[in-house]
Amino acid sequence: MNRKLIVAILIIAAAPVCAHAQPPSAAKVTKADAQKVLNIVSSDKAKTQTYCDIAKLGSQMEEADQAKDTKKVDELSQKMDEMTKKLGPEYSALMDALEDINPNSQNGQEIGSVLSALDKLCAN
């Protein structure tokens, strides 16, 4: 799955959860913040599996969106919201902060490269 698509889906899915987290200012979100999230998710098999399951839901959500099945998109979005909570406040805060970062900026590309490492955990 395309890394940018996963990031976009996760941003959408994380938005309601982020109200509970204390997100860092978007200007302050760095590669180090993304690396911290990578370490948290990759060091816990349950969180890694949850992340991969979210990615699978993202694929299903994309298919439902292309089929204009808004009911299915909403259903999958709710599932993603619940699963995102399991990844912790750091993950939610990062996803929330990504909304304000230009993915083509140096910082955006650095964070994207770290998030790409998360995607590779699901390649197995």
C-alpha atoms as a PDB file:
ATOM      1  CA  MET A   1       0.000   0.000   0.000  1.00  0.00           C
ATOM      2  CA  ASN A   2       1.225   3.472  -0.774  1.00  0.00           C
ATOM      3  CA  ARG A   3       2.884   5.090   2.265  1.00  0.00           C
ATOM      4  CA  LYS A   4       1.166   8.448   1.675  1.00  0.00           C
ATOM      5  CA  LEU A   5      -2.218   6.728   1.506  1.00  0.00           C
ATOM      6  CA  ILE A   6      -1.594   4.945   4.794  1.00  0.00           C
ATOM      7  CA  VAL A   7      -0.505   8.182   6.440  1.00  0.00           C
ATOM      8  CA  ALA A   8      -3.587   9.967   5.122  1.00  0.00           C
ATOM      9  CA  ILE A   9      -5.902   7.227   6.331  1.00  0.00           C
ATOM     10  CA  LEU A  10      -4.259   7.093   9.716  1.00  0.00           C
ATOM     11  CA  ILE A  11      -4.522  10.836  10.078  1.00  0.00           C
ATOM     12  CA  ILE A  12      -8.243  10.625   9.452  1.00  0.00           C
ATOM     13  CA  ALA A  13      -8.607   7.683  11.792  1.00  0.00           C
ATOM     14  CA  ALA A  14      -6.560   9.260  14.557  1.00  0.00           C
ATOM     15  CA  ALA A  15      -8.358  12.607  14.640  1.00  0.00           C
ATOM     16  CA  PRO A  16     -11.036  11.694  17.232  1.00  0.00           C
ATOM     17  CA  VAL A  17      -8.510   9.886  19.399  1.00  0.00           C
ATOM     18  CA  CYS A  18      -6.170  12.854  19.401  1.00  0.00           C
ATOM     19  CA  ALA A  19      -8.520  14.892  21.516  1.00  0.00           C
ATOM     20  CA  HIS A  20      -7.371  12.721  24.417  1.00  0.00           C
ATOM     21  CA  ALA A  21      -3.657  13.081  23.714  1.00  0.00           C
ATOM     22  CA  GLN A  22      -1.498  16.127  24.246  1.00  0.00           C
ATOM     23  CA  PRO A  23      -0.211  16.631  20.714  1.00  0.00           C
ATOM     24  CA  PRO A  24       3.017  18.512  20.204  1.00  0.00           C
ATOM     25  CA  SER A  25       2.890  21.632  18.098  1.00  0.00           C
ATOM     26  CA  ALA A  26       3.059  20.737  14.412  1.00  0.00           C
ATOM     27  CA  ALA A  27       6.104  22.963  14.028  1.00  0.00           C
ATOM     28  CA  LYS A  28       7.852  20.928  16.703  1.00  0.00           C
ATOM     29  CA  VAL A  29       7.058  17.474  15.371  1.00  0.00           C
ATOM     30  CA  THR A  30      10.278  15.920  14.187  1.00  0.00           C
ATOM     31  CA  LYS A  31      11.787  12.743  12.898  1.00  0.00           C
ATOM     32  CA  ALA A  32      12.680  11.979  16.536  1.00  0.00           C
ATOM     33  CA  ASP A  33       8.979  12.026  17.454  1.00  0.00           C
ATOM     34  CA  ALA A  34       8.231   9.613  14.622  1.00  0.00           C
ATOM     35  CA  GLN A  35      11.177   7.447  15.685  1.00  0.00           C
ATOM     36  CA  LYS A  36       9.764   7.289  19.220  1.00  0.00           C
ATOM     37  CA  VAL A  37       6.453   6.065  17.827  1.00  0.00           C
ATOM     38  CA  LEU A  38       8.264   3.529  15.644  1.00  0.00           C
ATOM     39  CA  ASN A  39      10.093   2.215  18.698  1.00  0.00           C
ATOM     40  CA  ILE A  40       6.889   1.998  20.742  1.00  0.00           C
ATOM     41  CA  VAL A  41       4.972   0.141  18.038  1.00  0.00           C
ATOM     42  CA  SER A  42       7.794  -2.117  16.882  1.00  0.00           C
ATOM     43  CA  SER A  43       8.793  -3.178  20.398  1.00  0.00           C
ATOM     44  CA  ASP A  44       5.333  -4.557  21.195  1.00  0.00           C
ATOM     45  CA  LYS A  45       4.018  -7.424  19.072  1.00  0.00           C
ATOM     46  CA  ALA A  46       0.404  -6.587  19.891  1.00  0.00           C
ATOM     47  CA  LYS A  47       0.874  -2.959  18.832  1.00  0.00           C
ATOM     48  CA  THR A  48       2.685  -4.040  15.679  1.00  0.00           C
ATOM     49  CA  GLN A  49      -0.218  -6.343  14.796  1.00  0.00           C
ATOM     50  CA  THR A  50      -2.704  -3.558  15.538  1.00  0.00           C
ATOM     51  CA  TYR A  51      -0.780  -1.194  13.250  1.00  0.00           C
ATOM     52  CA  CYS A  52      -0.820  -3.800  10.470  1.00  0.00           C
ATOM     53  CA  ASP A  53      -4.532  -4.444  11.004  1.00  0.00           C
ATOM     54  CA  ILE A  54      -5.167  -0.702  10.695  1.00  0.00           C
ATOM     55  CA  ALA A  55      -3.276  -0.710   7.405  1.00  0.00           C
ATOM     56  CA  LYS A  56      -5.483  -3.563   6.153  1.00  0.00           C
ATOM     57  CA  LEU A  57      -8.578  -1.623   7.172  1.00  0.00           C
ATOM     58  CA  GLY A  58      -7.152   1.320   5.270  1.00  0.00           C
ATOM     59  CA  SER A  59      -7.078  -0.779   2.100  1.00  0.00           C
ATOM     60  CA  GLN A  60     -10.646  -1.864   2.687  1.00  0.00           C
ATOM     61  CA  MET A  61     -11.641   1.735   3.343  1.00  0.00           C
ATOM     62  CA  GLU A  62     -10.073   2.827   0.071  1.00  0.00           C
ATOM     63  CA  GLU A  63     -11.996   0.135  -1.813  1.00  0.00           C
ATOM     64  CA  ALA A  64     -15.261   1.116  -0.108  1.00  0.00           C
ATOM     65  CA  ASP A  65     -14.620   4.768  -0.917  1.00  0.00           C
ATOM     66  CA  GLN A  66     -14.019   3.962  -4.576  1.00  0.00           C
ATOM     67  CA  ALA A  67     -17.284   1.989  -4.558  1.00  0.00           C
ATOM     68  CA  LYS A  68     -18.993   5.030  -2.994  1.00  0.00           C
ATOM     69  CA  ASP A  69     -20.086   2.861  -0.037  1.00  0.00           C
ATOM     70  CA  THR A  70     -20.190   5.555   2.646  1.00  0.00           C
ATOM     71  CA  LYS A  71     -21.783   3.220   5.187  1.00  0.00           C
ATOM     72  CA  LYS A  72     -18.849   0.819   4.888  1.00  0.00           C
ATOM     73  CA  VAL A  73     -16.344   3.704   5.022  1.00  0.00           C
ATOM     74  CA  ASP A  74     -17.946   4.945   8.245  1.00  0.00           C
ATOM     75  CA  GLU A  75     -17.963   1.451   9.729  1.00  0.00           C
ATOM     76  CA  LEU A  76     -14.295   0.907   8.898  1.00  0.00           C
ATOM     77  CA  SER A  77     -13.414   4.357  10.200  1.00  0.00           C
ATOM     78  CA  GLN A  78     -14.985   3.525  13.556  1.00  0.00           C
ATOM     79  CA  LYS A  79     -13.011   0.284  13.722  1.00  0.00           C
ATOM     80  CA  MET A  80      -9.823   2.198  12.919  1.00  0.00           C
ATOM     81  CA  ASP A  81     -10.593   4.743  15.648  1.00  0.00           C
ATOM     82  CA  GLU A  82     -10.899   1.978  18.230  1.00  0.00           C
ATOM     83  CA  MET A  83      -7.745   0.248  17.065  1.00  0.00           C
ATOM     84  CA  THR A  84      -5.775   3.495  16.984  1.00  0.00           C
ATOM     85  CA  LYS A  85      -6.428   3.963  20.697  1.00  0.00           C
ATOM     86  CA  LYS A  86      -4.448   0.774  21.318  1.00  0.00           C
ATOM     87  CA  LEU A  87      -1.311   2.325  19.818  1.00  0.00           C
ATOM     88  CA  GLY A  88      -1.080   4.956  22.529  1.00  0.00           C
ATOM     89  CA  PRO A  89      -1.165   8.728  22.895  1.00  0.00           C
ATOM     90  CA  GLU A  90       2.224   9.258  21.237  1.00  0.00           C
ATOM     91  CA  TYR A  91       0.974   7.658  18.048  1.00  0.00           C
ATOM     92  CA  SER A  92      -2.239   9.639  18.139  1.00  0.00           C
ATOM     93  CA  ALA A  93      -0.381  12.878  18.778  1.00  0.00           C
ATOM     94  CA  LEU A  94       1.974  12.228  15.873  1.00  0.00           C
ATOM     95  CA  MET A  95      -0.901  11.461  13.506  1.00  0.00           C
ATOM     96  CA  ASP A  96      -2.702  14.613  14.614  1.00  0.00           C
ATOM     97  CA  ALA A  97       0.384  16.759  14.123  1.00  0.00           C
ATOM     98  CA  LEU A  98       0.985  15.342  10.640  1.00  0.00           C
ATOM     99  CA  GLU A  99      -2.125  17.158   9.420  1.00  0.00           C
ATOM    100  CA  ASP A 100      -0.186  20.431   9.519  1.00  0.00           C
ATOM    101  CA  ILE A 101       3.055  19.182   7.983  1.00  0.00           C
ATOM    102  CA  ASN A 102       3.815  19.458   4.294  1.00  0.00           C
ATOM    103  CA  PRO A 103       4.731  15.910   3.197  1.00  0.00           C
ATOM    104  CA  ASN A 104       7.103  17.383   0.598  1.00  0.00           C
ATOM    105  CA  SER A 105       9.077  19.409   3.153  1.00  0.00           C
ATOM    106  CA  GLN A 106      12.332  18.035   4.520  1.00  0.00           C
ATOM    107  CA  ASN A 107      10.711  17.396   7.901  1.00  0.00           C
ATOM    108  CA  GLY A 108       7.715  15.750   6.230  1.00  0.00           C
ATOM    109  CA  GLN A 109       9.965  13.492   4.180  1.00  0.00           C
ATOM    110  CA  GLU A 110      12.049  12.533   7.220  1.00  0.00           C
ATOM    111  CA  ILE A 111       8.926  11.641   9.188  1.00  0.00           C
ATOM    112  CA  GLY A 112       7.587   9.769   6.162  1.00  0.00           C
ATOM    113  CA  SER A 113      10.753   7.690   5.979  1.00  0.00           C
ATOM    114  CA  VAL A 114      10.309   6.643   9.597  1.00  0.00           C
ATOM    115  CA  LEU A 115       6.651   5.812   9.012  1.00  0.00           C
ATOM    116  CA  SER A 116       7.744   3.761   6.022  1.00  0.00           C
ATOM    117  CA  ALA A 117       9.701   1.601   8.458  1.00  0.00           C
ATOM    118  CA  LEU A 118       6.432   0.948  10.276  1.00  0.00           C
ATOM    119  CA  ASP A 119       4.870  -0.196   7.011  1.00  0.00           C
ATOM    120  CA  LYS A 120       7.724  -2.655   6.507  1.00  0.00           C
ATOM    121  CA  LEU A 121       6.778  -4.355   9.781  1.00  0.00           C
ATOM    122  CA  CYS A 122       3.606  -5.486   8.021  1.00  0.00           C
ATOM    123  CA  ALA A 123       5.354  -6.973   5.003  1.00  0.00           C
ATOM    124  CA  ASN A 124       5.728 -10.340   6.711  1.00  0.00           C
END
